[in-house]
Amino acid sequence: MQPLIFPRSGILLKILPLTLLFGFAKWGAHLLGWEVWEFDPLIAALIGAATFVLAFTLSGTFNDYRIGENMVAQIATAIATIQDTGLMVAAGHAEYDVTELSQGLAQVMQTILEWLTQNKSAEPIDQAIVDLNPLFAQMEAFTTGPIISRLQAEQSKIRFAIVRIQVIRETDFLAPTYVLLELFLAGVATALLLIQEEQLGKTLVVSSFLVASFLYLLVLIRDLDNPFQYDGKSCIEVDLSPLTTTIDRLATHLPEQN
């Protein structure tokens, strides 16, 4: 999983031009004598309010990101549990072949990966999950009722996770909030631009750092709001390695292809 603080330095590269632009604007305002404000409690309240709103929004989007991670892990563990059940039945009944079940589960996983990474339709996923039912029926002759019920429960978990991921991908939860965040950012940048201090170097560094921090958080929130993009533009995406690891595990029970 990519670290959240410096996710491939992508966010830093995005905000660097805007930060440099603000720095030049601050320097120009100083030379032109446009710094007409002094730092006072009102400006401090503006910066504090912007920080609070950003932190509150970041907390909510980070929670959605964690939910997305849990959904991916839930799919992987559900598939692994179904596979383990098939292996258990095969160990107790030599006449039962787990290969077809492994192929069906691999098809489910591959369809999910293609849906997430290639932006394909979700309809084939539902069909792949439905195609597991005949495979469960084949296993039923060698098992008892509770085991089949367990398999159906895991099947239901997969469906729920797919629906939850689809809602996260297709819903822009924070669209109205972005307007407020951008207004706060514009207000803070304007206030910092017009603040007058005796030491230009100090105020230039501190102001640029604050603007860069707010810009970084705004971009981070936008990326966290949809962690299932996989389009090369987002700096933060939910790690899909649990799915690929499960596919590799299923492959060990599939016949080798020439």
C-alpha atoms as a PDB file:
ATOM      1  CA  MET A   1       0.000   0.000   0.000  1.00  0.00           C
ATOM      2  CA  GLN A   2       1.251   3.480  -0.864  1.00  0.00           C
ATOM      3  CA  PRO A   3       1.966   5.761   2.127  1.00  0.00           C
ATOM      4  CA  LEU A   4      -0.675   8.420   2.625  1.00  0.00           C
ATOM      5  CA  ILE A   5       1.656  11.275   3.545  1.00  0.00           C
ATOM      6  CA  PHE A   6       3.799  11.250   0.403  1.00  0.00           C
ATOM      7  CA  PRO A   7       1.915   9.027  -2.058  1.00  0.00           C
ATOM      8  CA  ARG A   8       4.522   8.710  -4.811  1.00  0.00           C
ATOM      9  CA  SER A   9       5.163  12.473  -4.357  1.00  0.00           C
ATOM     10  CA  GLY A  10       2.343  13.001  -6.864  1.00  0.00           C
ATOM     11  CA  ILE A  11       0.474  15.531  -4.754  1.00  0.00           C
ATOM     12  CA  LEU A  12       3.646  17.525  -4.075  1.00  0.00           C
ATOM     13  CA  LEU A  13       4.308  17.770  -7.806  1.00  0.00           C
ATOM     14  CA  LYS A  14       0.731  18.931  -8.402  1.00  0.00           C
ATOM     15  CA  ILE A  15       0.844  21.743  -5.850  1.00  0.00           C
ATOM     16  CA  LEU A  16       4.424  22.910  -6.484  1.00  0.00           C
ATOM     17  CA  PRO A  17       3.567  25.258  -9.414  1.00  0.00           C
ATOM     18  CA  LEU A  18       0.733  26.891  -7.467  1.00  0.00           C
ATOM     19  CA  THR A  19       2.955  27.303  -4.411  1.00  0.00           C
ATOM     20  CA  LEU A  20       5.675  28.945  -6.508  1.00  0.00           C
ATOM     21  CA  LEU A  21       3.056  31.192  -8.095  1.00  0.00           C
ATOM     22  CA  PHE A  22       1.887  32.298  -4.660  1.00  0.00           C
ATOM     23  CA  GLY A  23       5.483  32.939  -3.587  1.00  0.00           C
ATOM     24  CA  PHE A  24       6.098  35.221  -6.580  1.00  0.00           C
ATOM     25  CA  ALA A  25       2.762  36.944  -5.970  1.00  0.00           C
ATOM     26  CA  LYS A  26       3.711  37.534  -2.335  1.00  0.00           C
ATOM     27  CA  TRP A  27       7.063  38.973  -3.363  1.00  0.00           C
ATOM     28  CA  GLY A  28       5.400  41.193  -5.960  1.00  0.00           C
ATOM     29  CA  ALA A  29       2.831  42.435  -3.440  1.00  0.00           C
ATOM     30  CA  HIS A  30       5.689  43.400  -1.129  1.00  0.00           C
ATOM     31  CA  LEU A  31       7.525  45.305  -3.856  1.00  0.00           C
ATOM     32  CA  LEU A  32       4.351  47.106  -4.953  1.00  0.00           C
ATOM     33  CA  GLY A  33       3.388  48.025  -1.417  1.00  0.00           C
ATOM     34  CA  TRP A  34       0.160  46.060  -1.449  1.00  0.00           C
ATOM     35  CA  GLU A  35       0.756  44.496   1.975  1.00  0.00           C
ATOM     36  CA  VAL A  36      -1.733  46.618   3.877  1.00  0.00           C
ATOM     37  CA  TRP A  37      -2.882  44.195   6.590  1.00  0.00           C
ATOM     38  CA  GLU A  38      -1.371  43.165   9.874  1.00  0.00           C
ATOM     39  CA  PHE A  39      -1.748  39.767  11.450  1.00  0.00           C
ATOM     40  CA  ASP A  40      -4.601  39.989  13.962  1.00  0.00           C
ATOM     41  CA  PRO A  41      -7.094  37.672  15.712  1.00  0.00           C
ATOM     42  CA  LEU A  42      -9.504  37.913  12.768  1.00  0.00           C
ATOM     43  CA  ILE A  43      -6.961  36.489  10.313  1.00  0.00           C
ATOM     44  CA  ALA A  44      -5.950  33.883  12.901  1.00  0.00           C
ATOM     45  CA  ALA A  45      -9.612  32.871  13.181  1.00  0.00           C
ATOM     46  CA  LEU A  46      -9.839  32.523   9.380  1.00  0.00           C
ATOM     47  CA  ILE A  47      -6.780  30.255   9.261  1.00  0.00           C
ATOM     48  CA  GLY A  48      -8.060  28.256  12.221  1.00  0.00           C
ATOM     49  CA  ALA A  49     -11.500  27.792  10.649  1.00  0.00           C
ATOM     50  CA  ALA A  50      -9.961  26.673   7.347  1.00  0.00           C
ATOM     51  CA  THR A  51      -7.758  24.191   9.190  1.00  0.00           C
ATOM     52  CA  PHE A  52     -10.736  22.795  11.106  1.00  0.00           C
ATOM     53  CA  VAL A  53     -12.883  22.331   7.980  1.00  0.00           C
ATOM     54  CA  LEU A  54     -10.015  20.653   6.109  1.00  0.00           C
ATOM     55  CA  ALA A  55      -9.259  18.342   9.037  1.00  0.00           C
ATOM     56  CA  PHE A  56     -12.921  17.415   9.487  1.00  0.00           C
ATOM     57  CA  THR A  57     -13.379  16.667   5.772  1.00  0.00           C
ATOM     58  CA  LEU A  58     -10.124  14.713   5.615  1.00  0.00           C
ATOM     59  CA  SER A  59     -11.267  12.552   8.530  1.00  0.00           C
ATOM     60  CA  GLY A  60     -14.482  11.652   6.696  1.00  0.00           C
ATOM     61  CA  THR A  61     -12.803  10.855   3.383  1.00  0.00           C
ATOM     62  CA  PHE A  62     -10.090   8.833   5.114  1.00  0.00           C
ATOM     63  CA  ASN A  63     -12.822   6.772   6.760  1.00  0.00           C
ATOM     64  CA  ASP A  64     -14.322   6.058   3.308  1.00  0.00           C
ATOM     65  CA  TYR A  65     -10.867   5.041   2.092  1.00  0.00           C
ATOM     66  CA  ARG A  66     -10.569   2.551   4.949  1.00  0.00           C
ATOM     67  CA  ILE A  67     -14.021   1.192   4.115  1.00  0.00           C
ATOM     68  CA  GLY A  68     -12.823   0.647   0.548  1.00  0.00           C
ATOM     69  CA  GLU A  69      -9.800  -1.261   1.814  1.00  0.00           C
ATOM     70  CA  ASN A  70     -12.062  -3.407   3.978  1.00  0.00           C
ATOM     71  CA  MET A  71     -14.293  -4.212   1.002  1.00  0.00           C
ATOM     72  CA  VAL A  72     -11.320  -5.454  -1.025  1.00  0.00           C
ATOM     73  CA  ALA A  73     -10.108  -7.534   1.911  1.00  0.00           C
ATOM     74  CA  GLN A  74     -13.634  -8.904   2.407  1.00  0.00           C
ATOM     75  CA  ILE A  75     -13.807 -10.083  -1.206  1.00  0.00           C
ATOM     76  CA  ALA A  76     -10.405 -11.759  -0.975  1.00  0.00           C
ATOM     77  CA  THR A  77     -11.179 -13.514   2.315  1.00  0.00           C
ATOM     78  CA  ALA A  78     -14.622 -14.659   1.123  1.00  0.00           C
ATOM     79  CA  ILE A  79     -13.115 -16.220  -2.007  1.00  0.00           C
ATOM     80  CA  ALA A  80     -10.358 -17.831   0.058  1.00  0.00           C
ATOM     81  CA  THR A  81     -12.916 -19.232   2.509  1.00  0.00           C
ATOM     82  CA  ILE A  82     -14.959 -20.799  -0.293  1.00  0.00           C
ATOM     83  CA  GLN A  83     -11.784 -22.282  -1.738  1.00  0.00           C
ATOM     84  CA  ASP A  84     -10.731 -23.655   1.653  1.00  0.00           C
ATOM     85  CA  THR A  85     -14.128 -25.311   2.013  1.00  0.00           C
ATOM     86  CA  GLY A  86     -13.734 -26.960  -1.380  1.00  0.00           C
ATOM     87  CA  LEU A  87     -10.264 -28.193  -0.461  1.00  0.00           C
ATOM     88  CA  MET A  88     -11.617 -29.578   2.806  1.00  0.00           C
ATOM     89  CA  VAL A  89     -14.327 -31.504   0.982  1.00  0.00           C
ATOM     90  CA  ALA A  90     -11.814 -32.764  -1.574  1.00  0.00           C
ATOM     91  CA  ALA A  91      -9.540 -33.972   1.234  1.00  0.00           C
ATOM     92  CA  GLY A  92     -12.366 -36.047   2.723  1.00  0.00           C
ATOM     93  CA  HIS A  93     -13.835 -37.292  -0.547  1.00  0.00           C
ATOM     94  CA  ALA A  94     -11.424 -38.445  -3.236  1.00  0.00           C
ATOM     95  CA  GLU A  95     -14.188 -38.483  -5.839  1.00  0.00           C
ATOM     96  CA  TYR A  96     -14.757 -34.726  -5.496  1.00  0.00           C
ATOM     97  CA  ASP A  97     -12.630 -32.549  -7.818  1.00  0.00           C
ATOM     98  CA  VAL A  98     -12.073 -29.000  -6.626  1.00  0.00           C
ATOM     99  CA  THR A  99     -10.751 -27.804  -9.992  1.00  0.00           C
ATOM    100  CA  GLU A 100     -14.080 -26.505 -11.328  1.00  0.00           C
ATOM    101  CA  LEU A 101     -14.702 -24.567  -8.139  1.00  0.00           C
ATOM    102  CA  SER A 102     -11.224 -23.019  -8.356  1.00  0.00           C
ATOM    103  CA  GLN A 103     -11.867 -22.040 -11.965  1.00  0.00           C
ATOM    104  CA  GLY A 104     -15.188 -20.433 -11.047  1.00  0.00           C
ATOM    105  CA  LEU A 105     -13.629 -18.478  -8.195  1.00  0.00           C
ATOM    106  CA  ALA A 106     -10.732 -17.385 -10.397  1.00  0.00           C
ATOM    107  CA  GLN A 107     -13.245 -16.121 -12.954  1.00  0.00           C
ATOM    108  CA  VAL A 108     -14.991 -14.075 -10.275  1.00  0.00           C
ATOM    109  CA  MET A 109     -11.712 -12.544  -9.137  1.00  0.00           C
ATOM    110  CA  GLN A 110     -10.498 -11.807 -12.652  1.00  0.00           C
ATOM    111  CA  THR A 111     -13.791 -10.146 -13.556  1.00  0.00           C
ATOM    112  CA  ILE A 112     -13.620  -7.962 -10.439  1.00  0.00           C
ATOM    113  CA  LEU A 113     -10.052  -6.897 -11.215  1.00  0.00           C
ATOM    114  CA  GLU A 114     -10.970  -5.988 -14.793  1.00  0.00           C
ATOM    115  CA  TRP A 115     -13.964  -4.018 -13.528  1.00  0.00           C
ATOM    116  CA  LEU A 116     -11.790  -2.035 -11.120  1.00  0.00           C
ATOM    117  CA  THR A 117      -8.668  -1.463 -13.204  1.00  0.00           C
ATOM    118  CA  GLN A 118     -10.123  -1.300 -16.730  1.00  0.00           C
ATOM    119  CA  ASN A 119     -13.417   0.448 -15.914  1.00  0.00           C
ATOM    120  CA  LYS A 120     -15.506  -2.357 -17.396  1.00  0.00           C
ATOM    121  CA  SER A 121     -19.173  -3.041 -16.652  1.00  0.00           C
ATOM    122  CA  ALA A 122     -20.100  -4.670 -13.342  1.00  0.00           C
ATOM    123  CA  GLU A 123     -22.683  -6.965 -14.965  1.00  0.00           C
ATOM    124  CA  PRO A 124     -20.226  -9.818 -15.706  1.00  0.00           C
ATOM    125  CA  ILE A 125     -19.343  -9.898 -12.003  1.00  0.00           C
ATOM    126  CA  ASP A 126     -22.902 -10.724 -11.013  1.00  0.00           C
ATOM    127  CA  GLN A 127     -23.054 -13.453 -13.639  1.00  0.00           C
ATOM    128  CA  ALA A 128     -19.752 -14.935 -12.454  1.00  0.00           C
ATOM    129  CA  ILE A 129     -21.087 -15.006  -8.888  1.00  0.00           C
ATOM    130  CA  VAL A 130     -24.323 -16.659 -10.046  1.00  0.00           C
ATOM    131  CA  ASP A 131     -22.263 -19.273 -11.919  1.00  0.00           C
ATOM    132  CA  LEU A 132     -20.911 -20.425  -8.545  1.00  0.00           C
ATOM    133  CA  ASN A 133     -24.310 -21.875  -7.599  1.00  0.00           C
ATOM    134  CA  PRO A 134     -24.022 -25.036  -9.775  1.00  0.00           C
ATOM    135  CA  LEU A 135     -20.546 -25.570  -8.337  1.00  0.00           C
ATOM    136  CA  PHE A 136     -21.981 -25.380  -4.808  1.00  0.00           C
ATOM    137  CA  ALA A 137     -24.654 -27.880  -5.873  1.00  0.00           C
ATOM    138  CA  GLN A 138     -21.949 -30.320  -6.994  1.00  0.00           C
ATOM    139  CA  MET A 139     -20.322 -30.016  -3.588  1.00  0.00           C
ATOM    140  CA  GLU A 140     -23.613 -30.517  -1.745  1.00  0.00           C
ATOM    141  CA  ALA A 141     -23.560 -34.280  -2.396  1.00  0.00           C
ATOM    142  CA  PHE A 142     -20.405 -34.534  -0.278  1.00  0.00           C
ATOM    143  CA  THR A 143     -21.344 -32.071   2.476  1.00  0.00           C
ATOM    144  CA  THR A 144     -24.022 -31.239   4.984  1.00  0.00           C
ATOM    145  CA  GLY A 145     -26.434 -28.281   5.077  1.00  0.00           C
ATOM    146  CA  PRO A 146     -24.415 -25.944   7.313  1.00  0.00           C
ATOM    147  CA  ILE A 147     -21.434 -25.989   4.943  1.00  0.00           C
ATOM    148  CA  ILE A 148     -23.562 -24.950   1.966  1.00  0.00           C
ATOM    149  CA  SER A 149     -25.123 -22.203   4.084  1.00  0.00           C
ATOM    150  CA  ARG A 150     -21.627 -21.003   4.900  1.00  0.00           C
ATOM    151  CA  LEU A 151     -20.728 -20.877   1.220  1.00  0.00           C
ATOM    152  CA  GLN A 152     -23.852 -18.863   0.463  1.00  0.00           C
ATOM    153  CA  ALA A 153     -22.983 -16.458   3.272  1.00  0.00           C
ATOM    154  CA  GLU A 154     -19.549 -15.864   1.754  1.00  0.00           C
ATOM    155  CA  GLN A 155     -21.178 -15.414  -1.651  1.00  0.00           C
ATOM    156  CA  SER A 156     -23.440 -12.760  -0.127  1.00  0.00           C
ATOM    157  CA  LYS A 157     -20.411 -10.947   1.343  1.00  0.00           C
ATOM    158  CA  ILE A 158     -18.884 -10.715  -2.128  1.00  0.00           C
ATOM    159  CA  ARG A 159     -22.074  -9.219  -3.553  1.00  0.00           C
ATOM    160  CA  PHE A 160     -22.327  -6.697  -0.720  1.00  0.00           C
ATOM    161  CA  ALA A 161     -18.710  -5.612  -1.170  1.00  0.00           C
ATOM    162  CA  ILE A 162     -19.180  -5.154  -4.923  1.00  0.00           C
ATOM    163  CA  VAL A 163     -22.269  -2.998  -4.405  1.00  0.00           C
ATOM    164  CA  ARG A 164     -20.477  -0.924  -1.747  1.00  0.00           C
ATOM    165  CA  ILE A 165     -17.469  -0.337  -3.991  1.00  0.00           C
ATOM    166  CA  GLN A 166     -19.749   0.626  -6.876  1.00  0.00           C
ATOM    167  CA  VAL A 167     -21.485   3.230  -4.712  1.00  0.00           C
ATOM    168  CA  ILE A 168     -18.128   4.687  -3.638  1.00  0.00           C
ATOM    169  CA  ARG A 169     -16.917   4.857  -7.250  1.00  0.00           C
ATOM    170  CA  GLU A 170     -20.036   6.403  -8.757  1.00  0.00           C
ATOM    171  CA  THR A 171     -21.010   8.852  -5.999  1.00  0.00           C
ATOM    172  CA  ASP A 172     -19.239  12.172  -5.499  1.00  0.00           C
ATOM    173  CA  PHE A 173     -19.953  12.604  -1.799  1.00  0.00           C
ATOM    174  CA  LEU A 174     -18.111  15.885  -1.297  1.00  0.00           C
ATOM    175  CA  ALA A 175     -18.949  17.967  -4.381  1.00  0.00           C
ATOM    176  CA  PRO A 176     -20.705  20.741  -2.366  1.00  0.00           C
ATOM    177  CA  THR A 177     -17.957  20.652   0.258  1.00  0.00           C
ATOM    178  CA  TYR A 178     -15.261  21.412  -2.309  1.00  0.00           C
ATOM    179  CA  VAL A 179     -16.798  24.840  -2.905  1.00  0.00           C
ATOM    180  CA  LEU A 180     -16.472  25.665   0.784  1.00  0.00           C
ATOM    181  CA  LEU A 181     -12.922  24.313   0.954  1.00  0.00           C
ATOM    182  CA  GLU A 182     -11.866  26.322  -2.091  1.00  0.00           C
ATOM    183  CA  LEU A 183     -13.445  29.490  -0.653  1.00  0.00           C
ATOM    184  CA  PHE A 184     -11.525  29.021   2.583  1.00  0.00           C
ATOM    185  CA  LEU A 185      -8.319  28.395   0.643  1.00  0.00           C
ATOM    186  CA  ALA A 186      -8.837  31.539  -1.449  1.00  0.00           C
ATOM    187  CA  GLY A 187      -9.547  33.564   1.696  1.00  0.00           C
ATOM    188  CA  VAL A 188      -6.451  32.294   3.498  1.00  0.00           C
ATOM    189  CA  ALA A 189      -4.245  32.874   0.443  1.00  0.00           C
ATOM    190  CA  THR A 190      -5.569  36.435   0.057  1.00  0.00           C
ATOM    191  CA  ALA A 191      -5.046  37.191   3.738  1.00  0.00           C
ATOM    192  CA  LEU A 192      -1.490  35.837   3.697  1.00  0.00           C
ATOM    193  CA  LEU A 193      -0.769  37.752   0.506  1.00  0.00           C
ATOM    194  CA  LEU A 194      -1.737  41.086   2.076  1.00  0.00           C
ATOM    195  CA  ILE A 195      -0.191  40.595   5.518  1.00  0.00           C
ATOM    196  CA  GLN A 196       2.693  42.943   6.210  1.00  0.00           C
ATOM    197  CA  GLU A 197       5.755  41.850   8.201  1.00  0.00           C
ATOM    198  CA  GLU A 198       9.133  43.468   8.666  1.00  0.00           C
ATOM    199  CA  GLN A 199      11.112  40.406   7.559  1.00  0.00           C
ATOM    200  CA  LEU A 200      10.162  39.522   3.986  1.00  0.00           C
ATOM    201  CA  GLY A 201      12.042  36.209   4.013  1.00  0.00           C
ATOM    202  CA  LYS A 202      10.238  34.930   7.083  1.00  0.00           C
ATOM    203  CA  THR A 203       6.751  35.901   5.954  1.00  0.00           C
ATOM    204  CA  LEU A 204       7.428  34.565   2.454  1.00  0.00           C
ATOM    205  CA  VAL A 205       8.512  31.147   3.741  1.00  0.00           C
ATOM    206  CA  VAL A 206       5.740  30.836   6.346  1.00  0.00           C
ATOM    207  CA  SER A 207       3.000  32.024   3.991  1.00  0.00           C
ATOM    208  CA  SER A 208       4.125  29.719   1.164  1.00  0.00           C
ATOM    209  CA  PHE A 209       4.301  26.792   3.587  1.00  0.00           C
ATOM    210  CA  LEU A 210       0.754  27.419   4.826  1.00  0.00           C
ATOM    211  CA  VAL A 211      -0.641  27.741   1.305  1.00  0.00           C
ATOM    212  CA  ALA A 212       1.206  24.594   0.210  1.00  0.00           C
ATOM    213  CA  SER A 213      -0.192  22.701   3.217  1.00  0.00           C
ATOM    214  CA  PHE A 214      -3.773  23.740   2.466  1.00  0.00           C
ATOM    215  CA  LEU A 215      -3.370  22.896  -1.228  1.00  0.00           C
ATOM    216  CA  TYR A 216      -1.885  19.522  -0.341  1.00  0.00           C
ATOM    217  CA  LEU A 217      -4.793  18.682   1.940  1.00  0.00           C
ATOM    218  CA  LEU A 218      -7.353  19.766  -0.666  1.00  0.00           C
ATOM    219  CA  VAL A 219      -5.809  17.540  -3.358  1.00  0.00           C
ATOM    220  CA  LEU A 220      -5.466  14.691  -0.852  1.00  0.00           C
ATOM    221  CA  ILE A 221      -9.168  14.948   0.032  1.00  0.00           C
ATOM    222  CA  ARG A 222     -10.135  14.871  -3.647  1.00  0.00           C
ATOM    223  CA  ASP A 223      -8.077  11.720  -4.205  1.00  0.00           C
ATOM    224  CA  LEU A 224      -9.398  10.005  -1.089  1.00  0.00           C
ATOM    225  CA  ASP A 225     -12.982  10.789  -2.103  1.00  0.00           C
ATOM    226  CA  ASN A 226     -12.734   8.197  -4.906  1.00  0.00           C
ATOM    227  CA  PRO A 227     -10.035   5.642  -4.059  1.00  0.00           C
ATOM    228  CA  PHE A 228     -11.083   3.278  -6.881  1.00  0.00           C
ATOM    229  CA  GLN A 229     -10.072   5.342  -9.924  1.00  0.00           C
ATOM    230  CA  TYR A 230      -7.018   3.453 -11.277  1.00  0.00           C
ATOM    231  CA  ASP A 231      -6.728   5.877 -14.187  1.00  0.00           C
ATOM    232  CA  GLY A 232      -3.167   7.023 -13.591  1.00  0.00           C
ATOM    233  CA  LYS A 233      -4.348  10.460 -12.403  1.00  0.00           C
ATOM    234  CA  SER A 234      -5.000   9.686  -8.735  1.00  0.00           C
ATOM    235  CA  CYS A 235      -2.108   9.603  -6.280  1.00  0.00           C
ATOM    236  CA  ILE A 236      -3.962   7.406  -3.780  1.00  0.00           C
ATOM    237  CA  GLU A 237      -5.779   4.208  -4.669  1.00  0.00           C
ATOM    238  CA  VAL A 238      -6.974   1.232  -2.638  1.00  0.00           C
ATOM    239  CA  ASP A 239      -4.403  -1.542  -2.769  1.00  0.00           C
ATOM    240  CA  LEU A 240      -5.637  -4.489  -4.848  1.00  0.00           C
ATOM    241  CA  SER A 241      -2.834  -6.868  -3.866  1.00  0.00           C
ATOM    242  CA  PRO A 242      -5.199  -9.013  -1.711  1.00  0.00           C
ATOM    243  CA  LEU A 243      -7.137  -9.818  -4.896  1.00  0.00           C
ATOM    244  CA  THR A 244      -4.054 -10.639  -6.964  1.00  0.00           C
ATOM    245  CA  THR A 245      -2.637 -12.748  -4.129  1.00  0.00           C
ATOM    246  CA  THR A 246      -5.871 -14.729  -3.951  1.00  0.00           C
ATOM    247  CA  ILE A 247      -5.820 -15.268  -7.727  1.00  0.00           C
ATOM    248  CA  ASP A 248      -2.269 -16.627  -7.447  1.00  0.00           C
ATOM    249  CA  ARG A 249      -3.426 -18.949  -4.686  1.00  0.00           C
ATOM    250  CA  LEU A 250      -6.314 -20.216  -6.812  1.00  0.00           C
ATOM    251  CA  ALA A 251      -3.935 -20.787  -9.728  1.00  0.00           C
ATOM    252  CA  THR A 252      -2.096 -23.463  -7.741  1.00  0.00           C
ATOM    253  CA  HIS A 253      -5.235 -25.632  -7.946  1.00  0.00           C
ATOM    254  CA  LEU A 254      -5.850 -25.091 -11.632  1.00  0.00           C
ATOM    255  CA  PRO A 255      -4.489 -27.319 -14.410  1.00  0.00           C
ATOM    256  CA  GLU A 256      -1.466 -25.903 -16.158  1.00  0.00           C
ATOM    257  CA  GLN A 257      -2.086 -24.493 -19.618  1.00  0.00           C
ATOM    258  CA  ASN A 258       0.339 -25.360 -22.394  1.00  0.00           C
END
